[in-house]
C-alpha atoms as a PDB file:
ATOM      1  CA  MET A   1     -92.420-167.995  -4.737  1.00  0.00           C
ATOM      2  CA  ARG A   2     -94.205-167.208  -1.386  1.00  0.00           C
ATOM      3  CA  ALA A   3     -94.743-163.634  -2.722  1.00  0.00           C
ATOM      4  CA  HIS A   4     -96.100-165.087  -5.885  1.00  0.00           C
ATOM      5  CA  LEU A   5     -98.736-167.043  -3.771  1.00  0.00           C
ATOM      6  CA  LEU A   6     -99.709-164.037  -1.560  1.00  0.00           C
ATOM      7  CA  THR A   7    -100.504-161.488  -4.612  1.00  0.00           C
ATOM      8  CA  ALA A   8    -102.722-164.416  -6.332  1.00  0.00           C
ATOM      9  CA  LEU A   9    -104.219-164.985  -2.441  1.00  0.00           C
ATOM     10  CA  GLY A  10    -105.071-160.950  -2.635  1.00  0.00           C
ATOM     11  CA  ALA A  11    -106.319-160.973  -6.080  1.00  0.00           C
ATOM     12  CA  ALA A  12    -108.635-163.535  -5.484  1.00  0.00           C
ATOM     13  CA  THR A  13    -109.898-161.774  -2.150  1.00  0.00           C
ATOM     14  CA  ALA A  14    -110.187-158.618  -3.750  1.00  0.00           C
ATOM     15  CA  ALA A  15    -112.353-160.739  -6.702  1.00  0.00           C
ATOM     16  CA  ALA A  16    -114.395-162.573  -4.254  1.00  0.00           C
ATOM     17  CA  ALA A  17    -115.559-159.385  -2.582  1.00  0.00           C
ATOM     18  CA  CYS A  18    -116.909-157.745  -5.570  1.00  0.00           C
ATOM     19  CA  ILE A  19    -119.441-160.450  -6.131  1.00  0.00           C
ATOM     20  CA  PRO A  20    -122.957-159.971  -4.586  1.00  0.00           C
ATOM     21  CA  VAL A  21    -124.364-162.764  -2.459  1.00  0.00           C
ATOM     22  CA  GLN A  22    -127.544-163.059  -1.166  1.00  0.00           C
ATOM     23  CA  ILE A  23    -128.333-164.777   2.109  1.00  0.00           C
ATOM     24  CA  GLN A  24    -131.875-166.091   2.721  1.00  0.00           C
ATOM     25  CA  ALA A  25    -133.586-168.081   5.434  1.00  0.00           C
ATOM     26  CA  PRO A  26    -135.112-171.330   4.427  1.00  0.00           C
ATOM     27  CA  ASP A  27    -138.748-171.678   4.345  1.00  0.00           C
ATOM     28  CA  ARG A  28    -139.168-174.746   6.396  1.00  0.00           C
ATOM     29  CA  PRO A  29    -136.790-175.601   9.787  1.00  0.00           C
ATOM     30  CA  ILE A  30    -133.435-177.141   9.351  1.00  0.00           C
ATOM     31  CA  GLU A  31    -133.999-180.812   9.987  1.00  0.00           C
ATOM     32  CA  VAL A  32    -130.939-182.713  11.843  1.00  0.00           C
ATOM     33  CA  ASN A  33    -131.577-186.578  11.799  1.00  0.00           C
ATOM     34  CA  LEU A  34    -129.646-188.216  14.758  1.00  0.00           C
ATOM     35  CA  ASN A  35    -131.274-191.466  14.659  1.00  0.00           C
ATOM     36  CA  VAL A  36    -128.353-193.352  13.018  1.00  0.00           C
ATOM     37  CA  ASN A  37    -125.951-193.062  16.099  1.00  0.00           C
ATOM     38  CA  ILE A  38    -128.613-194.129  18.631  1.00  0.00           C
ATOM     39  CA  ARG A  39    -129.683-197.140  16.725  1.00  0.00           C
ATOM     40  CA  GLN A  40    -126.107-198.258  16.292  1.00  0.00           C
ATOM     41  CA  GLU A  41    -125.618-197.786  19.755  1.00  0.00           C
ATOM     42  CA  VAL A  42    -128.876-200.018  20.393  1.00  0.00           C
ATOM     43  CA  ILE A  43    -127.804-202.788  18.201  1.00  0.00           C
ATOM     44  CA  VAL A  44    -124.551-203.180  19.894  1.00  0.00           C
ATOM     45  CA  ARG A  45    -125.951-203.009  23.269  1.00  0.00           C
ATOM     46  CA  LEU A  46    -128.421-205.630  22.029  1.00  0.00           C
ATOM     47  CA  GLU A  47    -125.749-208.107  20.500  1.00  0.00           C
ATOM     48  CA  GLY A  48    -123.659-207.817  23.661  1.00  0.00           C
ATOM     49  CA  ASP A  49    -126.757-209.047  25.701  1.00  0.00           C
ATOM     50  CA  ALA A  50    -127.402-211.796  23.417  1.00  0.00           C
ATOM     51  CA  ARG A  51    -124.164-213.056  23.480  1.00  0.00           C
ATOM     52  CA  GLN A  52    -124.052-213.087  27.390  1.00  0.00           C
ATOM     53  CA  LEU A  53    -127.168-214.860  27.396  1.00  0.00           C
ATOM     54  CA  LEU A  54    -126.303-217.746  24.969  1.00  0.00           C
ATOM     55  CA  ASN A  55    -123.028-218.022  27.052  1.00  0.00           C
ATOM     56  CA  GLU A  56    -124.822-218.385  30.363  1.00  0.00           C
ATOM     57  CA  ASN A  57    -127.079-221.010  28.443  1.00  0.00           C
ATOM     58  CA  SER A  58    -124.971-222.930  26.540  1.00  0.00           C
ATOM     59  CA  ASP A  59    -127.446-225.854  26.319  1.00  0.00           C
ATOM     60  CA  LEU A  60    -130.281-223.985  25.070  1.00  0.00           C
ATOM     61  CA  PHE A  61    -129.656-224.744  21.308  1.00  0.00           C
ATOM     62  CA  GLY A  62    -127.771-227.905  21.581  1.00  0.00           C
ATOM     63  CA  GLY A  63    -124.248-226.810  22.428  1.00  0.00           C
ATOM     64  CA  GLY A  64    -122.167-223.930  22.902  1.00  0.00           C
ATOM     65  CA  THR A  65    -121.340-220.701  21.287  1.00  0.00           C
ATOM     66  CA  PRO A  66    -118.002-220.629  19.282  1.00  0.00           C
END
């Protein structure tokens, strides 16, 4: 079984080596958008600050937080 797998893998590698590959640089710079993680962290921090503020001022809306 292992010999058949190695033979098939070798044949696939040999066939892939015969296919011409062309590599070209992109026309525009590659842009990586990292705003998602930063925004998530800010929201979590604001949520924690708001929770603490409501706990410290439980009479602000006429009752405590649940």
